[in-house]
Amino acid sequence: MVTLNDSLIIRCRMWDSRNPISLSGRCSAETLIETESKTIGKIDELEYGFDYQDTQEIIPNTTNTNFSSKEQHTESLTTLKDDLNSLFKEEILCDTKLKTANATFPAHALVLSARSSVFKSMFTTDMKEKTNKCVDIDDLDDDAVRRMLLFMYSDTLDDLEYESAKSLYFAADKYNIVSLLQRCSNFLKQNLLQSNCCDILLLADKHQDKDLKDAVQDYIAKNDEAVLFSDEWKILEKNHPQLTIEVLRAVCMKNRRS
């Protein structure tokens, strides 16, 4: 309880960030401090006998927190991912859905639009997906759609394997999810084998992915005997003769330069 002749001391603490402070940030802080000081200062004008005093103190960064701005940024991103992931998993306030032959996945048009230019076009123009609030998907299985949505909400890929990477690569290219396409492409490059290089070559050629195609050609050039005498190559040669001729020329040029 406050009684007459008590002293009221109000402190305003400001921490030194040890980093340059923008002009707008400094002006905002100074304006806020000045406004608060004037407001609180009116207490001294009251007729209740208060002894008013205000102090301003700058505390070194080391006494405040050890968090760097980079760590704080990382923590904020993690929190954002967790919050968006909760929206997806708990199906909160969903306003659209993705429908496969066997399953329906509730989603948020805003999130899909932010991550994919294709979905953005669907939901911002007079297309049936906007009217029906539903996207029919007949060329992806349930697992691929679930993984695609999980990535769009949380930027994570769980237990990625060769087959799922191929399906997600197709999905990412179809809906122009650039970061997902790059992640899947990198996975395929890192997991090139004699048994799958022809399959990945065909995938890269179909999607006109020069970077992935070059990586496969480099692999074939380094493992030409094993690949060119494999059953997989014979099948590719039979079904896609022009592609194999193109690759052989590229491999010959690479081996000649090396």
C-alpha atoms as a PDB file:
ATOM      1  CA  MET A   1       0.000   0.000   0.000  1.00  0.00           C
ATOM      2  CA  VAL A   2       1.369   3.477  -0.936  1.00  0.00           C
ATOM      3  CA  THR A   3       1.191   6.148   1.746  1.00  0.00           C
ATOM      4  CA  LEU A   4       1.959   9.848   1.794  1.00  0.00           C
ATOM      5  CA  ASN A   5       5.620  10.866   1.619  1.00  0.00           C
ATOM      6  CA  ASP A   6       6.583   7.475   0.111  1.00  0.00           C
ATOM      7  CA  SER A   7       9.157   7.583  -2.679  1.00  0.00           C
ATOM      8  CA  LEU A   8       8.282   6.277  -6.136  1.00  0.00           C
ATOM      9  CA  ILE A   9      11.377   5.336  -8.185  1.00  0.00           C
ATOM     10  CA  ILE A  10      10.898   4.267 -11.813  1.00  0.00           C
ATOM     11  CA  ARG A  11      13.797   2.903 -13.818  1.00  0.00           C
ATOM     12  CA  CYS A  12      14.015   2.574 -17.598  1.00  0.00           C
ATOM     13  CA  ARG A  13      16.548  -0.055 -18.598  1.00  0.00           C
ATOM     14  CA  MET A  14      18.142  -0.141 -22.062  1.00  0.00           C
ATOM     15  CA  TRP A  15      20.504  -2.899 -23.142  1.00  0.00           C
ATOM     16  CA  ASP A  16      23.532  -2.244 -25.307  1.00  0.00           C
ATOM     17  CA  SER A  17      23.173  -4.624 -28.283  1.00  0.00           C
ATOM     18  CA  ARG A  18      26.816  -4.146 -29.350  1.00  0.00           C
ATOM     19  CA  ASN A  19      25.447  -3.881 -32.878  1.00  0.00           C
ATOM     20  CA  PRO A  20      24.643  -0.748 -34.896  1.00  0.00           C
ATOM     21  CA  ILE A  21      21.135   0.520 -34.167  1.00  0.00           C
ATOM     22  CA  SER A  22      19.160   1.877 -37.095  1.00  0.00           C
ATOM     23  CA  LEU A  23      18.107   5.530 -37.111  1.00  0.00           C
ATOM     24  CA  SER A  24      14.445   4.550 -37.128  1.00  0.00           C
ATOM     25  CA  GLY A  25      14.973   2.192 -34.210  1.00  0.00           C
ATOM     26  CA  ARG A  26      16.846   4.826 -32.186  1.00  0.00           C
ATOM     27  CA  CYS A  27      14.208   7.489 -32.877  1.00  0.00           C
ATOM     28  CA  SER A  28      11.443   5.077 -31.898  1.00  0.00           C
ATOM     29  CA  ALA A  29      13.161   4.208 -28.607  1.00  0.00           C
ATOM     30  CA  GLU A  30      13.936   7.831 -27.752  1.00  0.00           C
ATOM     31  CA  THR A  31      10.363   8.930 -28.532  1.00  0.00           C
ATOM     32  CA  LEU A  32       8.920   6.119 -26.404  1.00  0.00           C
ATOM     33  CA  ILE A  33      11.204   6.926 -23.470  1.00  0.00           C
ATOM     34  CA  GLU A  34      10.436  10.640 -23.666  1.00  0.00           C
ATOM     35  CA  THR A  35       6.676  10.008 -23.846  1.00  0.00           C
ATOM     36  CA  GLU A  36       6.715   7.565 -20.939  1.00  0.00           C
ATOM     37  CA  SER A  37       8.889   9.903 -18.845  1.00  0.00           C
ATOM     38  CA  LYS A  38       6.511  12.835 -19.390  1.00  0.00           C
ATOM     39  CA  THR A  39       3.497  10.692 -18.547  1.00  0.00           C
ATOM     40  CA  ILE A  40       5.036   9.248 -15.391  1.00  0.00           C
ATOM     41  CA  GLY A  41       6.463  12.662 -14.489  1.00  0.00           C
ATOM     42  CA  LYS A  42       2.966  13.996 -13.982  1.00  0.00           C
ATOM     43  CA  ILE A  43       2.869  11.949 -10.799  1.00  0.00           C
ATOM     44  CA  ASP A  44       5.195  14.545  -9.312  1.00  0.00           C
ATOM     45  CA  GLU A  45       2.557  17.203  -9.920  1.00  0.00           C
ATOM     46  CA  LEU A  46      -0.045  15.396  -7.859  1.00  0.00           C
ATOM     47  CA  GLU A  47      -0.915  16.750  -4.476  1.00  0.00           C
ATOM     48  CA  TYR A  48      -0.257  13.586  -2.541  1.00  0.00           C
ATOM     49  CA  GLY A  49       3.253  14.320  -1.330  1.00  0.00           C
ATOM     50  CA  PHE A  50       5.067  11.813  -3.561  1.00  0.00           C
ATOM     51  CA  ASP A  51       8.819  12.201  -4.006  1.00  0.00           C
ATOM     52  CA  TYR A  52       9.235  11.333  -7.737  1.00  0.00           C
ATOM     53  CA  GLN A  53      12.525  10.235  -9.305  1.00  0.00           C
ATOM     54  CA  ASP A  54      13.230   8.559 -12.676  1.00  0.00           C
ATOM     55  CA  THR A  55      16.538   7.098 -13.806  1.00  0.00           C
ATOM     56  CA  GLN A  56      17.740   5.693 -17.110  1.00  0.00           C
ATOM     57  CA  GLU A  57      20.376   2.985 -17.096  1.00  0.00           C
ATOM     58  CA  ILE A  58      22.252   1.348 -19.983  1.00  0.00           C
ATOM     59  CA  ILE A  59      23.167  -2.221 -19.112  1.00  0.00           C
ATOM     60  CA  PRO A  60      26.002  -3.973 -21.001  1.00  0.00           C
ATOM     61  CA  ASN A  61      24.899  -6.798 -23.257  1.00  0.00           C
ATOM     62  CA  THR A  62      26.746  -9.406 -21.170  1.00  0.00           C
ATOM     63  CA  THR A  63      24.487  -8.770 -18.164  1.00  0.00           C
ATOM     64  CA  ASN A  64      21.356  -9.137 -20.245  1.00  0.00           C
ATOM     65  CA  THR A  65      21.583 -12.242 -22.416  1.00  0.00           C
ATOM     66  CA  ASN A  66      24.071 -14.399 -24.241  1.00  0.00           C
ATOM     67  CA  PHE A  67      21.807 -14.912 -27.242  1.00  0.00           C
ATOM     68  CA  SER A  68      23.192 -13.562 -30.492  1.00  0.00           C
ATOM     69  CA  SER A  69      20.919 -12.053 -33.112  1.00  0.00           C
ATOM     70  CA  LYS A  70      21.585 -15.118 -35.286  1.00  0.00           C
ATOM     71  CA  GLU A  71      20.496 -17.478 -32.496  1.00  0.00           C
ATOM     72  CA  GLN A  72      17.370 -15.418 -31.878  1.00  0.00           C
ATOM     73  CA  HIS A  73      16.583 -15.509 -35.608  1.00  0.00           C
ATOM     74  CA  THR A  74      17.043 -19.296 -35.680  1.00  0.00           C
ATOM     75  CA  GLU A  75      14.814 -19.697 -32.630  1.00  0.00           C
ATOM     76  CA  SER A  76      12.118 -17.544 -34.249  1.00  0.00           C
ATOM     77  CA  LEU A  77      12.231 -19.623 -37.434  1.00  0.00           C
ATOM     78  CA  THR A  78      11.978 -22.841 -35.424  1.00  0.00           C
ATOM     79  CA  THR A  79       8.957 -21.506 -33.565  1.00  0.00           C
ATOM     80  CA  LEU A  80       7.322 -20.434 -36.827  1.00  0.00           C
ATOM     81  CA  LYS A  81       7.875 -23.871 -38.355  1.00  0.00           C
ATOM     82  CA  ASP A  82       6.437 -25.565 -35.284  1.00  0.00           C
ATOM     83  CA  ASP A  83       3.377 -23.310 -35.324  1.00  0.00           C
ATOM     84  CA  LEU A  84       2.713 -23.885 -39.031  1.00  0.00           C
ATOM     85  CA  ASN A  85       3.259 -27.605 -38.589  1.00  0.00           C
ATOM     86  CA  SER A  86       0.650 -27.605 -35.821  1.00  0.00           C
ATOM     87  CA  LEU A  87      -1.840 -25.907 -38.144  1.00  0.00           C
ATOM     88  CA  PHE A  88      -1.267 -28.661 -40.696  1.00  0.00           C
ATOM     89  CA  LYS A  89      -1.354 -31.633 -38.332  1.00  0.00           C
ATOM     90  CA  GLU A  90      -4.295 -30.380 -36.268  1.00  0.00           C
ATOM     91  CA  GLU A  91      -6.179 -29.189 -39.390  1.00  0.00           C
ATOM     92  CA  ILE A  92      -7.009 -25.826 -37.810  1.00  0.00           C
ATOM     93  CA  LEU A  93      -8.974 -23.266 -39.904  1.00  0.00           C
ATOM     94  CA  CYS A  94      -8.361 -25.118 -43.176  1.00  0.00           C
ATOM     95  CA  ASP A  95     -10.030 -23.514 -46.192  1.00  0.00           C
ATOM     96  CA  THR A  96      -9.115 -25.897 -49.010  1.00  0.00           C
ATOM     97  CA  LYS A  97      -8.133 -29.528 -49.549  1.00  0.00           C
ATOM     98  CA  LEU A  98      -5.934 -31.689 -51.724  1.00  0.00           C
ATOM     99  CA  LYS A  99      -7.662 -34.844 -52.908  1.00  0.00           C
ATOM    100  CA  THR A 100      -6.027 -38.013 -54.266  1.00  0.00           C
ATOM    101  CA  ALA A 101      -7.731 -41.211 -55.346  1.00  0.00           C
ATOM    102  CA  ASN A 102      -7.701 -42.556 -51.793  1.00  0.00           C
ATOM    103  CA  ALA A 103      -7.318 -39.648 -49.380  1.00  0.00           C
ATOM    104  CA  THR A 104      -8.192 -36.021 -48.689  1.00  0.00           C
ATOM    105  CA  PHE A 105      -5.737 -33.597 -47.079  1.00  0.00           C
ATOM    106  CA  PRO A 106      -7.145 -30.385 -45.525  1.00  0.00           C
ATOM    107  CA  ALA A 107      -4.858 -27.386 -46.081  1.00  0.00           C
ATOM    108  CA  HIS A 108      -4.602 -23.600 -46.053  1.00  0.00           C
ATOM    109  CA  ALA A 109      -4.707 -21.751 -49.373  1.00  0.00           C
ATOM    110  CA  LEU A 110      -2.511 -18.996 -47.949  1.00  0.00           C
ATOM    111  CA  VAL A 111       0.332 -21.378 -47.048  1.00  0.00           C
ATOM    112  CA  LEU A 112       0.112 -23.252 -50.344  1.00  0.00           C
ATOM    113  CA  SER A 113       0.123 -19.983 -52.287  1.00  0.00           C
ATOM    114  CA  ALA A 114       3.143 -18.692 -50.398  1.00  0.00           C
ATOM    115  CA  ARG A 115       5.150 -21.831 -51.207  1.00  0.00           C
ATOM    116  CA  SER A 116       4.010 -22.538 -54.752  1.00  0.00           C
ATOM    117  CA  SER A 117       3.346 -20.218 -57.673  1.00  0.00           C
ATOM    118  CA  VAL A 118       1.108 -22.873 -59.225  1.00  0.00           C
ATOM    119  CA  PHE A 119      -1.130 -23.079 -56.173  1.00  0.00           C
ATOM    120  CA  LYS A 120      -1.087 -19.286 -55.979  1.00  0.00           C
ATOM    121  CA  SER A 121      -2.502 -19.085 -59.501  1.00  0.00           C
ATOM    122  CA  MET A 122      -5.170 -21.626 -58.632  1.00  0.00           C
ATOM    123  CA  PHE A 123      -6.386 -19.688 -55.590  1.00  0.00           C
ATOM    124  CA  THR A 124      -6.082 -16.125 -56.926  1.00  0.00           C
ATOM    125  CA  THR A 125      -7.630 -16.518 -60.380  1.00  0.00           C
ATOM    126  CA  ASP A 126     -10.972 -17.811 -61.575  1.00  0.00           C
ATOM    127  CA  MET A 127      -9.987 -21.465 -61.646  1.00  0.00           C
ATOM    128  CA  LYS A 128     -12.097 -24.355 -60.433  1.00  0.00           C
ATOM    129  CA  GLU A 129      -9.767 -24.979 -57.481  1.00  0.00           C
ATOM    130  CA  LYS A 130     -10.670 -21.563 -56.074  1.00  0.00           C
ATOM    131  CA  THR A 131     -14.401 -22.103 -56.569  1.00  0.00           C
ATOM    132  CA  ASN A 132     -14.506 -25.719 -55.376  1.00  0.00           C
ATOM    133  CA  LYS A 133     -11.899 -25.197 -52.641  1.00  0.00           C
ATOM    134  CA  CYS A 134     -10.397 -28.492 -53.705  1.00  0.00           C
ATOM    135  CA  VAL A 135      -7.356 -29.564 -55.748  1.00  0.00           C
ATOM    136  CA  ASP A 136      -7.725 -32.952 -57.425  1.00  0.00           C
ATOM    137  CA  ILE A 137      -4.424 -34.830 -57.772  1.00  0.00           C
ATOM    138  CA  ASP A 138      -4.470 -37.983 -59.866  1.00  0.00           C
ATOM    139  CA  ASP A 139      -0.747 -38.410 -60.576  1.00  0.00           C
ATOM    140  CA  LEU A 140       0.665 -38.551 -57.049  1.00  0.00           C
ATOM    141  CA  ASP A 141       0.115 -41.157 -54.351  1.00  0.00           C
ATOM    142  CA  ASP A 142      -1.010 -40.368 -50.810  1.00  0.00           C
ATOM    143  CA  ASP A 143       2.478 -40.578 -49.312  1.00  0.00           C
ATOM    144  CA  ALA A 144       3.926 -38.127 -51.839  1.00  0.00           C
ATOM    145  CA  VAL A 145       1.153 -35.578 -51.215  1.00  0.00           C
ATOM    146  CA  ARG A 146       1.509 -35.913 -47.447  1.00  0.00           C
ATOM    147  CA  ARG A 147       5.291 -35.427 -47.664  1.00  0.00           C
ATOM    148  CA  MET A 148       4.877 -32.485 -50.029  1.00  0.00           C
ATOM    149  CA  LEU A 149       2.456 -30.763 -47.640  1.00  0.00           C
ATOM    150  CA  LEU A 150       4.677 -31.448 -44.649  1.00  0.00           C
ATOM    151  CA  PHE A 151       7.563 -29.775 -46.467  1.00  0.00           C
ATOM    152  CA  MET A 152       5.423 -26.801 -47.465  1.00  0.00           C
ATOM    153  CA  TYR A 153       4.390 -26.218 -43.859  1.00  0.00           C
ATOM    154  CA  SER A 154       7.613 -27.080 -42.017  1.00  0.00           C
ATOM    155  CA  ASP A 155      10.425 -27.152 -44.596  1.00  0.00           C
ATOM    156  CA  THR A 156      11.365 -30.651 -43.457  1.00  0.00           C
ATOM    157  CA  LEU A 157      11.738 -33.990 -45.231  1.00  0.00           C
ATOM    158  CA  ASP A 158      11.287 -37.070 -43.055  1.00  0.00           C
ATOM    159  CA  ASP A 159      13.051 -40.357 -43.895  1.00  0.00           C
ATOM    160  CA  LEU A 160      13.673 -39.505 -47.543  1.00  0.00           C
ATOM    161  CA  GLU A 161      14.468 -42.523 -49.725  1.00  0.00           C
ATOM    162  CA  TYR A 162      15.079 -43.018 -53.421  1.00  0.00           C
ATOM    163  CA  GLU A 163      11.490 -43.723 -54.491  1.00  0.00           C
ATOM    164  CA  SER A 164       9.980 -40.993 -52.317  1.00  0.00           C
ATOM    165  CA  ALA A 165      12.637 -38.549 -53.570  1.00  0.00           C
ATOM    166  CA  LYS A 166      11.609 -39.269 -57.168  1.00  0.00           C
ATOM    167  CA  SER A 167       7.928 -38.777 -56.386  1.00  0.00           C
ATOM    168  CA  LEU A 168       8.610 -35.526 -54.536  1.00  0.00           C
ATOM    169  CA  TYR A 169      10.863 -34.324 -57.347  1.00  0.00           C
ATOM    170  CA  PHE A 170       7.953 -34.803 -59.746  1.00  0.00           C
ATOM    171  CA  ALA A 171       5.549 -33.045 -57.345  1.00  0.00           C
ATOM    172  CA  ALA A 172       7.943 -30.131 -56.771  1.00  0.00           C
ATOM    173  CA  ASP A 173       8.402 -29.604 -60.502  1.00  0.00           C
ATOM    174  CA  LYS A 174       4.671 -29.859 -61.186  1.00  0.00           C
ATOM    175  CA  TYR A 175       3.745 -27.261 -58.548  1.00  0.00           C
ATOM    176  CA  ASN A 176       6.946 -25.214 -58.826  1.00  0.00           C
ATOM    177  CA  ILE A 177       8.068 -25.675 -55.226  1.00  0.00           C
ATOM    178  CA  VAL A 178      11.628 -24.542 -55.890  1.00  0.00           C
ATOM    179  CA  SER A 179      13.253 -25.382 -52.549  1.00  0.00           C
ATOM    180  CA  LEU A 180      11.725 -28.876 -52.507  1.00  0.00           C
ATOM    181  CA  LEU A 181      12.888 -29.494 -56.077  1.00  0.00           C
ATOM    182  CA  GLN A 182      16.442 -28.531 -55.116  1.00  0.00           C
ATOM    183  CA  ARG A 183      16.426 -30.741 -52.024  1.00  0.00           C
ATOM    184  CA  CYS A 184      15.209 -33.746 -53.999  1.00  0.00           C
ATOM    185  CA  SER A 185      17.678 -33.072 -56.818  1.00  0.00           C
ATOM    186  CA  ASN A 186      20.555 -32.939 -54.338  1.00  0.00           C
ATOM    187  CA  PHE A 187      19.416 -36.204 -52.761  1.00  0.00           C
ATOM    188  CA  LEU A 188      19.309 -37.942 -56.151  1.00  0.00           C
ATOM    189  CA  LYS A 189      22.788 -36.653 -57.042  1.00  0.00           C
ATOM    190  CA  GLN A 190      24.206 -37.926 -53.777  1.00  0.00           C
ATOM    191  CA  ASN A 191      22.635 -41.352 -54.257  1.00  0.00           C
ATOM    192  CA  LEU A 192      23.595 -42.120 -57.854  1.00  0.00           C
ATOM    193  CA  LEU A 193      24.276 -45.813 -58.434  1.00  0.00           C
ATOM    194  CA  GLN A 194      24.795 -48.051 -61.406  1.00  0.00           C
ATOM    195  CA  SER A 195      21.325 -49.469 -60.836  1.00  0.00           C
ATOM    196  CA  ASN A 196      19.503 -46.114 -60.791  1.00  0.00           C
ATOM    197  CA  CYS A 197      21.553 -43.680 -62.897  1.00  0.00           C
ATOM    198  CA  CYS A 198      19.617 -44.456 -66.084  1.00  0.00           C
ATOM    199  CA  ASP A 199      16.337 -43.901 -64.280  1.00  0.00           C
ATOM    200  CA  ILE A 200      17.541 -40.563 -62.893  1.00  0.00           C
ATOM    201  CA  LEU A 201      18.887 -39.596 -66.312  1.00  0.00           C
ATOM    202  CA  LEU A 202      15.452 -40.175 -67.818  1.00  0.00           C
ATOM    203  CA  LEU A 203      13.836 -38.165 -65.008  1.00  0.00           C
ATOM    204  CA  ALA A 204      16.217 -35.244 -65.542  1.00  0.00           C
ATOM    205  CA  ASP A 205      15.687 -35.285 -69.288  1.00  0.00           C
ATOM    206  CA  LYS A 206      11.901 -35.391 -68.934  1.00  0.00           C
ATOM    207  CA  HIS A 207      11.897 -32.393 -66.590  1.00  0.00           C
ATOM    208  CA  GLN A 208      14.578 -30.539 -68.554  1.00  0.00           C
ATOM    209  CA  ASP A 209      16.817 -30.346 -65.507  1.00  0.00           C
ATOM    210  CA  LYS A 210      20.249 -29.622 -66.977  1.00  0.00           C
ATOM    211  CA  ASP A 211      22.007 -29.546 -63.615  1.00  0.00           C
ATOM    212  CA  LEU A 212      20.776 -33.016 -62.616  1.00  0.00           C
ATOM    213  CA  LYS A 213      21.377 -34.356 -66.120  1.00  0.00           C
ATOM    214  CA  ASP A 214      24.986 -33.119 -66.067  1.00  0.00           C
ATOM    215  CA  ALA A 215      25.520 -34.816 -62.704  1.00  0.00           C
ATOM    216  CA  VAL A 216      24.290 -38.133 -64.112  1.00  0.00           C
ATOM    217  CA  GLN A 217      26.504 -37.774 -67.180  1.00  0.00           C
ATOM    218  CA  ASP A 218      29.489 -37.107 -64.924  1.00  0.00           C
ATOM    219  CA  TYR A 219      28.673 -40.282 -62.999  1.00  0.00           C
ATOM    220  CA  ILE A 220      28.384 -42.323 -66.194  1.00  0.00           C
ATOM    221  CA  ALA A 221      31.685 -40.895 -67.471  1.00  0.00           C
ATOM    222  CA  LYS A 222      33.431 -42.036 -64.296  1.00  0.00           C
ATOM    223  CA  ASN A 223      31.740 -45.450 -64.314  1.00  0.00           C
ATOM    224  CA  ASP A 224      31.300 -45.959 -68.055  1.00  0.00           C
ATOM    225  CA  GLU A 225      32.135 -49.654 -68.284  1.00  0.00           C
ATOM    226  CA  ALA A 226      29.832 -50.680 -65.438  1.00  0.00           C
ATOM    227  CA  VAL A 227      26.935 -48.512 -66.664  1.00  0.00           C
ATOM    228  CA  LEU A 228      27.180 -49.018 -70.440  1.00  0.00           C
ATOM    229  CA  PHE A 229      27.181 -52.796 -70.094  1.00  0.00           C
ATOM    230  CA  SER A 230      24.337 -52.907 -67.583  1.00  0.00           C
ATOM    231  CA  ASP A 231      20.824 -54.172 -68.245  1.00  0.00           C
ATOM    232  CA  GLU A 232      19.441 -50.762 -67.289  1.00  0.00           C
ATOM    233  CA  TRP A 233      21.440 -49.072 -70.039  1.00  0.00           C
ATOM    234  CA  LYS A 234      20.317 -51.621 -72.624  1.00  0.00           C
ATOM    235  CA  ILE A 235      16.671 -50.925 -71.732  1.00  0.00           C
ATOM    236  CA  LEU A 236      17.272 -47.170 -71.937  1.00  0.00           C
ATOM    237  CA  GLU A 237      19.057 -47.604 -75.267  1.00  0.00           C
ATOM    238  CA  LYS A 238      16.109 -49.552 -76.665  1.00  0.00           C
ATOM    239  CA  ASN A 239      13.367 -47.204 -75.465  1.00  0.00           C
ATOM    240  CA  HIS A 240      15.174 -43.846 -75.735  1.00  0.00           C
ATOM    241  CA  PRO A 241      17.852 -44.160 -78.436  1.00  0.00           C
ATOM    242  CA  GLN A 242      18.252 -40.413 -79.009  1.00  0.00           C
ATOM    243  CA  LEU A 243      18.876 -39.787 -75.341  1.00  0.00           C
ATOM    244  CA  THR A 244      21.539 -42.496 -75.122  1.00  0.00           C
ATOM    245  CA  ILE A 245      23.316 -41.109 -78.216  1.00  0.00           C
ATOM    246  CA  GLU A 246      23.322 -37.641 -76.627  1.00  0.00           C
ATOM    247  CA  VAL A 247      24.729 -39.017 -73.378  1.00  0.00           C
ATOM    248  CA  LEU A 248      27.398 -41.096 -75.112  1.00  0.00           C
ATOM    249  CA  ARG A 249      28.635 -38.022 -76.957  1.00  0.00           C
ATOM    250  CA  ALA A 250      28.784 -36.059 -73.717  1.00  0.00           C
ATOM    251  CA  VAL A 251      30.578 -38.900 -71.927  1.00  0.00           C
ATOM    252  CA  CYS A 252      33.143 -39.186 -74.738  1.00  0.00           C
ATOM    253  CA  MET A 253      33.832 -35.452 -74.547  1.00  0.00           C
ATOM    254  CA  LYS A 254      34.201 -35.562 -70.755  1.00  0.00           C
ATOM    255  CA  ASN A 255      36.576 -38.540 -70.869  1.00  0.00           C
ATOM    256  CA  ARG A 256      38.601 -36.986 -73.672  1.00  0.00           C
ATOM    257  CA  ARG A 257      39.123 -33.784 -71.668  1.00  0.00           C
ATOM    258  CA  SER A 258      40.137 -35.771 -68.591  1.00  0.00           C
END
